[in-house]
């Protein structure tokens, strides 16, 4: 289910329960697999691991063909 905003955009309602909801989205798009990007990826995974809506998020990513990100 989606929540529609006044501007016509919508977001999945499960996103309100996501551990990342108040974080900068850049965290989930590391600059590379090594060095700072590796640390960034590890930090993003630490946010995702205990998230109560991790399955819904992963399903959304596959359904919407997200090619990049954690």
C-alpha atoms as a PDB file:
ATOM      1  CA  UNK A   1       0.000   0.000   0.000  1.00  0.00           C
ATOM      2  CA  UNK A   2       1.208   3.526  -0.756  1.00  0.00           C
ATOM      3  CA  UNK A   3       0.631   6.848   0.920  1.00  0.00           C
ATOM      4  CA  UNK A   4      -0.041   9.690  -1.534  1.00  0.00           C
ATOM      5  CA  UNK A   5       1.334  13.142  -0.754  1.00  0.00           C
ATOM      6  CA  UNK A   6      -0.255  16.464  -1.647  1.00  0.00           C
ATOM      7  CA  UNK A   7       2.083  16.807  -4.633  1.00  0.00           C
ATOM      8  CA  UNK A   8       0.818  13.513  -6.085  1.00  0.00           C
ATOM      9  CA  UNK A   9       3.937  11.504  -5.220  1.00  0.00           C
ATOM     10  CA  UNK A  10       3.574   8.328  -3.231  1.00  0.00           C
ATOM     11  CA  UNK A  11       5.722   6.202  -0.956  1.00  0.00           C
ATOM     12  CA  UNK A  12       5.147   2.687   0.347  1.00  0.00           C
ATOM     13  CA  UNK A  13       3.583   2.776   3.833  1.00  0.00           C
ATOM     14  CA  UNK A  14       6.158   0.281   5.155  1.00  0.00           C
ATOM     15  CA  UNK A  15       8.820   2.946   4.609  1.00  0.00           C
ATOM     16  CA  UNK A  16       7.536   4.754   7.709  1.00  0.00           C
ATOM     17  CA  UNK A  17       8.899   1.840   9.780  1.00  0.00           C
ATOM     18  CA  UNK A  18      12.251   1.603   7.975  1.00  0.00           C
ATOM     19  CA  UNK A  19      15.428   2.015  10.029  1.00  0.00           C
ATOM     20  CA  UNK A  20      16.781   4.306   7.294  1.00  0.00           C
ATOM     21  CA  UNK A  21      13.778   6.653   7.073  1.00  0.00           C
ATOM     22  CA  UNK A  22      15.643   9.632   8.583  1.00  0.00           C
ATOM     23  CA  UNK A  23      19.069   8.949   7.066  1.00  0.00           C
ATOM     24  CA  UNK A  24      20.728  10.496   4.023  1.00  0.00           C
ATOM     25  CA  UNK A  25      20.060   8.189   1.064  1.00  0.00           C
ATOM     26  CA  UNK A  26      23.642   8.680  -0.149  1.00  0.00           C
ATOM     27  CA  UNK A  27      24.724   6.226   2.561  1.00  0.00           C
ATOM     28  CA  UNK A  28      23.086   3.411   0.601  1.00  0.00           C
ATOM     29  CA  UNK A  29      24.942   4.143  -2.640  1.00  0.00           C
ATOM     30  CA  UNK A  30      28.654   3.577  -1.851  1.00  0.00           C
ATOM     31  CA  UNK A  31      31.254   5.199  -4.083  1.00  0.00           C
ATOM     32  CA  UNK A  32      33.048   1.890  -4.640  1.00  0.00           C
ATOM     33  CA  UNK A  33      33.808  -1.553  -3.212  1.00  0.00           C
ATOM     34  CA  UNK A  34      37.039  -0.572  -1.410  1.00  0.00           C
ATOM     35  CA  UNK A  35      38.326   2.093   0.971  1.00  0.00           C
ATOM     36  CA  UNK A  36      35.699   4.694   1.903  1.00  0.00           C
ATOM     37  CA  UNK A  37      33.088   2.936  -0.235  1.00  0.00           C
ATOM     38  CA  UNK A  38      33.640  -0.305   1.657  1.00  0.00           C
ATOM     39  CA  UNK A  39      33.177   1.457   5.002  1.00  0.00           C
ATOM     40  CA  UNK A  40      30.076   3.193   3.677  1.00  0.00           C
ATOM     41  CA  UNK A  41      28.647  -0.132   2.500  1.00  0.00           C
ATOM     42  CA  UNK A  42      29.352  -1.730   5.873  1.00  0.00           C
ATOM     43  CA  UNK A  43      27.598   1.155   7.631  1.00  0.00           C
ATOM     44  CA  UNK A  44      24.573   0.851   5.337  1.00  0.00           C
ATOM     45  CA  UNK A  45      24.355  -2.895   5.920  1.00  0.00           C
ATOM     46  CA  UNK A  46      24.497  -2.300   9.684  1.00  0.00           C
ATOM     47  CA  UNK A  47      21.394  -0.102   9.335  1.00  0.00           C
ATOM     48  CA  UNK A  48      19.581  -2.657   7.167  1.00  0.00           C
ATOM     49  CA  UNK A  49      20.387  -5.805   9.141  1.00  0.00           C
ATOM     50  CA  UNK A  50      18.039  -5.191  12.115  1.00  0.00           C
ATOM     51  CA  UNK A  51      15.443  -3.248  10.091  1.00  0.00           C
ATOM     52  CA  UNK A  52      11.878  -4.499  10.694  1.00  0.00           C
ATOM     53  CA  UNK A  53      10.886  -3.967   7.048  1.00  0.00           C
ATOM     54  CA  UNK A  54      14.000  -5.351   5.368  1.00  0.00           C
ATOM     55  CA  UNK A  55      12.020  -7.963   3.420  1.00  0.00           C
ATOM     56  CA  UNK A  56       9.528  -5.410   2.098  1.00  0.00           C
ATOM     57  CA  UNK A  57      12.412  -3.153   1.080  1.00  0.00           C
ATOM     58  CA  UNK A  58      14.224  -5.941  -0.762  1.00  0.00           C
ATOM     59  CA  UNK A  59      11.006  -6.974  -2.499  1.00  0.00           C
ATOM     60  CA  UNK A  60      10.392  -3.362  -3.562  1.00  0.00           C
ATOM     61  CA  UNK A  61      13.957  -3.094  -4.908  1.00  0.00           C
ATOM     62  CA  UNK A  62      13.508  -6.216  -7.036  1.00  0.00           C
ATOM     63  CA  UNK A  63       9.992  -5.290  -8.199  1.00  0.00           C
ATOM     64  CA  UNK A  64      11.089  -1.803  -9.268  1.00  0.00           C
ATOM     65  CA  UNK A  65      14.338  -3.071 -10.863  1.00  0.00           C
ATOM     66  CA  UNK A  66      16.690  -1.058  -8.652  1.00  0.00           C
ATOM     67  CA  UNK A  67      20.156  -1.716 -10.080  1.00  0.00           C
ATOM     68  CA  UNK A  68      22.320   0.082  -7.535  1.00  0.00           C
ATOM     69  CA  UNK A  69      22.489   0.558  -3.794  1.00  0.00           C
ATOM     70  CA  UNK A  70      22.523  -1.482  -0.629  1.00  0.00           C
END
